[in-house]
Amino acid sequence: MGNESQESKGALGLIPALRARIARYREQADHFTRLADAEPVETIRDQWKTLASDYTYLAITLEPNGGSSRGAALLPDASHKPGSG
C-alpha cells in the first residue's frame, strides 16, 4: 500500500491531479491577465488583475513549500492574498 502512494506521485513529488490543478490556476491567471491588458475600463481592468493575482497566489500556495523558490517573484505584490485587494 505504501508503495502505491509513492508510485502515484510525479517528478515534483506531487500527485498528477494536484499538478493539473496548479497548471489550471496558472492558465486562468494568464487568461485574466490578457483580459486585463485588453480592458479599456480601469475599474474592470483592476478586477481582472486582482483575479489574475488571486489565481497566481492559489497556484503558488499549492506548490511544495508554498512555492517559496519562485513565488514572490510571480506576484506583483508578494504580500497580496485573495480578498485583500
N, C-alpha and C. Protein backbone atom coordinates (compact mmCIF):
# COMPACT_ATOMS: atom_id res chain seq x y z
N MET A 1 0.81 -1.20 0.00
CA MET A 1 0.00 0.00 0.00
C MET A 1 0.85 1.26 0.00
N GLY A 2 1.88 1.31 0.82
CA GLY A 2 2.74 2.47 0.86
C GLY A 2 3.41 2.74 -0.47
N ASN A 3 3.80 1.66 -1.17
CA ASN A 3 4.42 1.82 -2.48
C ASN A 3 3.44 2.40 -3.49
N GLU A 4 2.17 2.07 -3.37
CA GLU A 4 1.16 2.57 -4.31
C GLU A 4 1.08 4.09 -4.27
N SER A 5 1.09 4.68 -3.07
CA SER A 5 1.01 6.14 -2.98
C SER A 5 2.28 6.78 -3.50
N GLN A 6 3.43 6.15 -3.30
CA GLN A 6 4.69 6.69 -3.80
C GLN A 6 4.72 6.65 -5.32
N GLU A 7 4.19 5.60 -5.93
CA GLU A 7 4.20 5.46 -7.38
C GLU A 7 3.29 6.47 -8.05
N SER A 8 2.24 6.91 -7.36
CA SER A 8 1.30 7.85 -7.97
C SER A 8 1.82 9.27 -7.99
N LYS A 9 2.93 9.52 -7.33
CA LYS A 9 3.50 10.87 -7.31
C LYS A 9 4.40 11.07 -8.51
N GLY A 10 4.38 12.29 -9.05
CA GLY A 10 5.19 12.62 -10.21
C GLY A 10 6.58 13.07 -9.80
N ALA A 11 7.31 13.61 -10.77
CA ALA A 11 8.69 14.03 -10.57
C ALA A 11 8.81 15.15 -9.53
N LEU A 12 7.80 15.98 -9.40
CA LEU A 12 7.87 17.07 -8.43
C LEU A 12 7.41 16.64 -7.05
N GLY A 13 7.08 15.35 -6.89
CA GLY A 13 6.60 14.88 -5.60
C GLY A 13 5.13 15.21 -5.39
N LEU A 14 4.43 15.55 -6.45
CA LEU A 14 3.02 15.90 -6.36
C LEU A 14 2.20 14.86 -7.10
N ILE A 15 1.01 14.64 -6.63
CA ILE A 15 0.13 13.75 -7.37
C ILE A 15 -0.31 14.45 -8.65
N PRO A 16 -0.55 13.69 -9.71
CA PRO A 16 -0.91 14.30 -11.00
C PRO A 16 -2.10 15.25 -10.93
N ALA A 17 -3.10 14.93 -10.14
CA ALA A 17 -4.27 15.80 -10.04
C ALA A 17 -3.90 17.17 -9.46
N LEU A 18 -3.00 17.20 -8.51
CA LEU A 18 -2.57 18.47 -7.93
C LEU A 18 -1.75 19.27 -8.93
N ARG A 19 -0.86 18.59 -9.66
CA ARG A 19 -0.09 19.29 -10.69
C ARG A 19 -1.02 19.89 -11.73
N ALA A 20 -2.06 19.16 -12.11
CA ALA A 20 -3.03 19.66 -13.09
C ALA A 20 -3.77 20.87 -12.54
N ARG A 21 -4.11 20.82 -11.27
CA ARG A 21 -4.81 21.94 -10.64
C ARG A 21 -3.94 23.19 -10.62
N ILE A 22 -2.67 23.02 -10.27
CA ILE A 22 -1.73 24.14 -10.26
C ILE A 22 -1.60 24.72 -11.66
N ALA A 23 -1.47 23.85 -12.66
CA ALA A 23 -1.35 24.30 -14.05
C ALA A 23 -2.62 25.05 -14.48
N ARG A 24 -3.77 24.53 -14.09
CA ARG A 24 -5.03 25.18 -14.45
C ARG A 24 -5.13 26.57 -13.82
N TYR A 25 -4.73 26.70 -12.55
CA TYR A 25 -4.76 28.01 -11.90
C TYR A 25 -3.83 28.99 -12.61
N ARG A 26 -2.67 28.52 -13.06
CA ARG A 26 -1.74 29.39 -13.79
C ARG A 26 -2.33 29.79 -15.14
N GLU A 27 -3.00 28.85 -15.82
CA GLU A 27 -3.65 29.19 -17.10
C GLU A 27 -4.73 30.23 -16.89
N GLN A 28 -5.51 30.07 -15.83
CA GLN A 28 -6.56 31.05 -15.55
C GLN A 28 -5.97 32.41 -15.22
N ALA A 29 -4.87 32.42 -14.47
CA ALA A 29 -4.21 33.69 -14.16
C ALA A 29 -3.73 34.37 -15.44
N ASP A 30 -3.15 33.59 -16.35
CA ASP A 30 -2.70 34.16 -17.63
C ASP A 30 -3.87 34.71 -18.44
N HIS A 31 -4.98 33.97 -18.45
CA HIS A 31 -6.17 34.41 -19.17
C HIS A 31 -6.69 35.74 -18.61
N PHE A 32 -6.78 35.82 -17.28
CA PHE A 32 -7.26 37.05 -16.66
C PHE A 32 -6.31 38.22 -16.92
N THR A 33 -5.02 37.94 -16.97
CA THR A 33 -4.04 38.98 -17.28
C THR A 33 -4.25 39.50 -18.69
N ARG A 34 -4.49 38.60 -19.63
CA ARG A 34 -4.75 39.03 -21.02
C ARG A 34 -6.04 39.85 -21.10
N LEU A 35 -7.06 39.44 -20.37
CA LEU A 35 -8.30 40.22 -20.35
C LEU A 35 -8.05 41.62 -19.78
N ALA A 36 -7.25 41.69 -18.72
CA ALA A 36 -6.93 42.99 -18.12
C ALA A 36 -6.18 43.87 -19.10
N ASP A 37 -5.23 43.27 -19.82
CA ASP A 37 -4.43 44.04 -20.77
C ASP A 37 -5.30 44.65 -21.88
N ALA A 38 -6.39 43.97 -22.21
CA ALA A 38 -7.26 44.44 -23.30
C ALA A 38 -8.43 45.30 -22.81
N GLU A 39 -8.59 45.41 -21.50
CA GLU A 39 -9.75 46.11 -20.94
C GLU A 39 -9.52 47.62 -20.88
N PRO A 40 -10.38 48.41 -21.54
CA PRO A 40 -10.22 49.87 -21.51
C PRO A 40 -10.76 50.54 -20.24
N VAL A 41 -11.68 49.87 -19.53
CA VAL A 41 -12.29 50.47 -18.34
C VAL A 41 -11.42 50.12 -17.12
N GLU A 42 -10.92 51.16 -16.47
CA GLU A 42 -9.94 50.98 -15.39
C GLU A 42 -10.46 50.09 -14.25
N THR A 43 -11.68 50.31 -13.79
CA THR A 43 -12.19 49.53 -12.66
C THR A 43 -12.32 48.05 -13.01
N ILE A 44 -12.76 47.78 -14.23
CA ILE A 44 -12.87 46.38 -14.66
C ILE A 44 -11.48 45.78 -14.86
N ARG A 45 -10.57 46.57 -15.45
CA ARG A 45 -9.19 46.11 -15.64
C ARG A 45 -8.57 45.74 -14.29
N ASP A 46 -8.81 46.57 -13.28
CA ASP A 46 -8.28 46.28 -11.95
C ASP A 46 -8.86 44.99 -11.37
N GLN A 47 -10.13 44.74 -11.66
CA GLN A 47 -10.76 43.50 -11.18
C GLN A 47 -10.14 42.28 -11.87
N TRP A 48 -9.88 42.38 -13.19
CA TRP A 48 -9.22 41.28 -13.89
C TRP A 48 -7.83 41.04 -13.30
N LYS A 49 -7.10 42.13 -13.02
CA LYS A 49 -5.76 42.00 -12.44
C LYS A 49 -5.81 41.34 -11.06
N THR A 50 -6.83 41.69 -10.28
CA THR A 50 -6.99 41.08 -8.96
C THR A 50 -7.25 39.58 -9.10
N LEU A 51 -8.12 39.21 -10.03
CA LEU A 51 -8.38 37.78 -10.26
C LEU A 51 -7.11 37.06 -10.69
N ALA A 52 -6.34 37.67 -11.58
CA ALA A 52 -5.09 37.06 -12.03
C ALA A 52 -4.15 36.85 -10.86
N SER A 53 -4.03 37.85 -10.02
CA SER A 53 -3.16 37.75 -8.85
C SER A 53 -3.66 36.68 -7.87
N ASP A 54 -4.96 36.61 -7.69
CA ASP A 54 -5.53 35.61 -6.78
C ASP A 54 -5.26 34.19 -7.28
N TYR A 55 -5.41 33.96 -8.59
CA TYR A 55 -5.15 32.62 -9.13
C TYR A 55 -3.68 32.28 -9.09
N THR A 56 -2.82 33.27 -9.30
CA THR A 56 -1.38 33.03 -9.15
C THR A 56 -1.06 32.64 -7.72
N TYR A 57 -1.66 33.34 -6.78
CA TYR A 57 -1.47 33.04 -5.36
C TYR A 57 -1.93 31.61 -5.04
N LEU A 58 -3.08 31.22 -5.57
CA LEU A 58 -3.57 29.86 -5.34
C LEU A 58 -2.57 28.83 -5.86
N ALA A 59 -2.07 29.04 -7.07
CA ALA A 59 -1.10 28.11 -7.64
C ALA A 59 0.15 28.02 -6.78
N ILE A 60 0.63 29.17 -6.35
CA ILE A 60 1.84 29.20 -5.52
C ILE A 60 1.64 28.46 -4.21
N THR A 61 0.51 28.68 -3.57
CA THR A 61 0.29 28.05 -2.27
C THR A 61 0.12 26.54 -2.37
N LEU A 62 -0.23 26.04 -3.55
CA LEU A 62 -0.37 24.59 -3.72
C LEU A 62 0.95 23.90 -4.06
N GLU A 63 1.95 24.67 -4.45
CA GLU A 63 3.25 24.09 -4.77
C GLU A 63 3.96 23.65 -3.49
N PRO A 64 4.87 22.67 -3.63
CA PRO A 64 5.64 22.26 -2.45
C PRO A 64 6.34 23.46 -1.83
N ASN A 65 6.39 23.52 -0.55
CA ASN A 65 7.00 24.63 0.19
C ASN A 65 6.33 25.97 -0.13
N GLY A 66 5.08 25.93 -0.54
CA GLY A 66 4.36 27.16 -0.83
C GLY A 66 4.96 27.95 -1.97
N GLY A 67 5.72 27.27 -2.85
CA GLY A 67 6.33 27.97 -3.98
C GLY A 67 7.42 28.93 -3.54
N SER A 68 8.01 28.69 -2.39
CA SER A 68 8.98 29.64 -1.83
C SER A 68 10.18 29.87 -2.74
N SER A 69 10.47 28.93 -3.64
CA SER A 69 11.62 29.11 -4.50
C SER A 69 11.39 30.15 -5.59
N ARG A 70 10.11 30.40 -5.97
CA ARG A 70 9.86 31.37 -7.02
C ARG A 70 8.60 32.18 -6.82
N GLY A 71 7.86 31.90 -5.78
CA GLY A 71 6.56 32.53 -5.58
C GLY A 71 6.57 34.03 -5.49
N ALA A 72 7.45 34.59 -4.73
CA ALA A 72 7.46 36.04 -4.54
C ALA A 72 7.72 36.79 -5.84
N ALA A 73 8.49 36.19 -6.72
CA ALA A 73 8.80 36.86 -7.99
C ALA A 73 7.59 36.88 -8.92
N LEU A 74 6.65 35.98 -8.71
CA LEU A 74 5.50 35.89 -9.60
C LEU A 74 4.38 36.84 -9.23
N LEU A 75 4.33 37.26 -8.00
CA LEU A 75 3.27 38.16 -7.57
C LEU A 75 3.73 39.60 -7.67
N PRO A 76 2.85 40.46 -8.21
CA PRO A 76 3.22 41.88 -8.26
C PRO A 76 3.49 42.44 -6.88
N ASP A 77 2.73 42.00 -5.91
CA ASP A 77 2.90 42.42 -4.52
C ASP A 77 2.91 41.14 -3.70
N ALA A 78 4.07 40.74 -3.22
CA ALA A 78 4.22 39.46 -2.53
C ALA A 78 3.34 39.37 -1.29
N SER A 79 2.88 40.49 -0.75
CA SER A 79 2.03 40.46 0.43
C SER A 79 0.56 40.27 0.07
N HIS A 80 0.23 40.28 -1.23
CA HIS A 80 -1.17 40.16 -1.67
C HIS A 80 -1.70 38.77 -1.39
N LYS A 81 -2.87 38.74 -0.81
CA LYS A 81 -3.59 37.50 -0.61
C LYS A 81 -5.01 37.73 -1.09
N PRO A 82 -5.69 36.67 -1.54
CA PRO A 82 -7.05 36.85 -2.06
C PRO A 82 -7.92 37.65 -1.09
N GLY A 83 -8.68 38.56 -1.66
CA GLY A 83 -9.60 39.35 -0.86
C GLY A 83 -8.99 40.59 -0.24
N SER A 84 -7.67 40.75 -0.34
CA SER A 84 -7.04 41.92 0.29
C SER A 84 -6.92 43.09 -0.66
N GLY A 85 -7.24 42.88 -1.95
CA GLY A 85 -7.03 43.95 -2.93
C GLY A 85 -8.30 44.46 -3.41
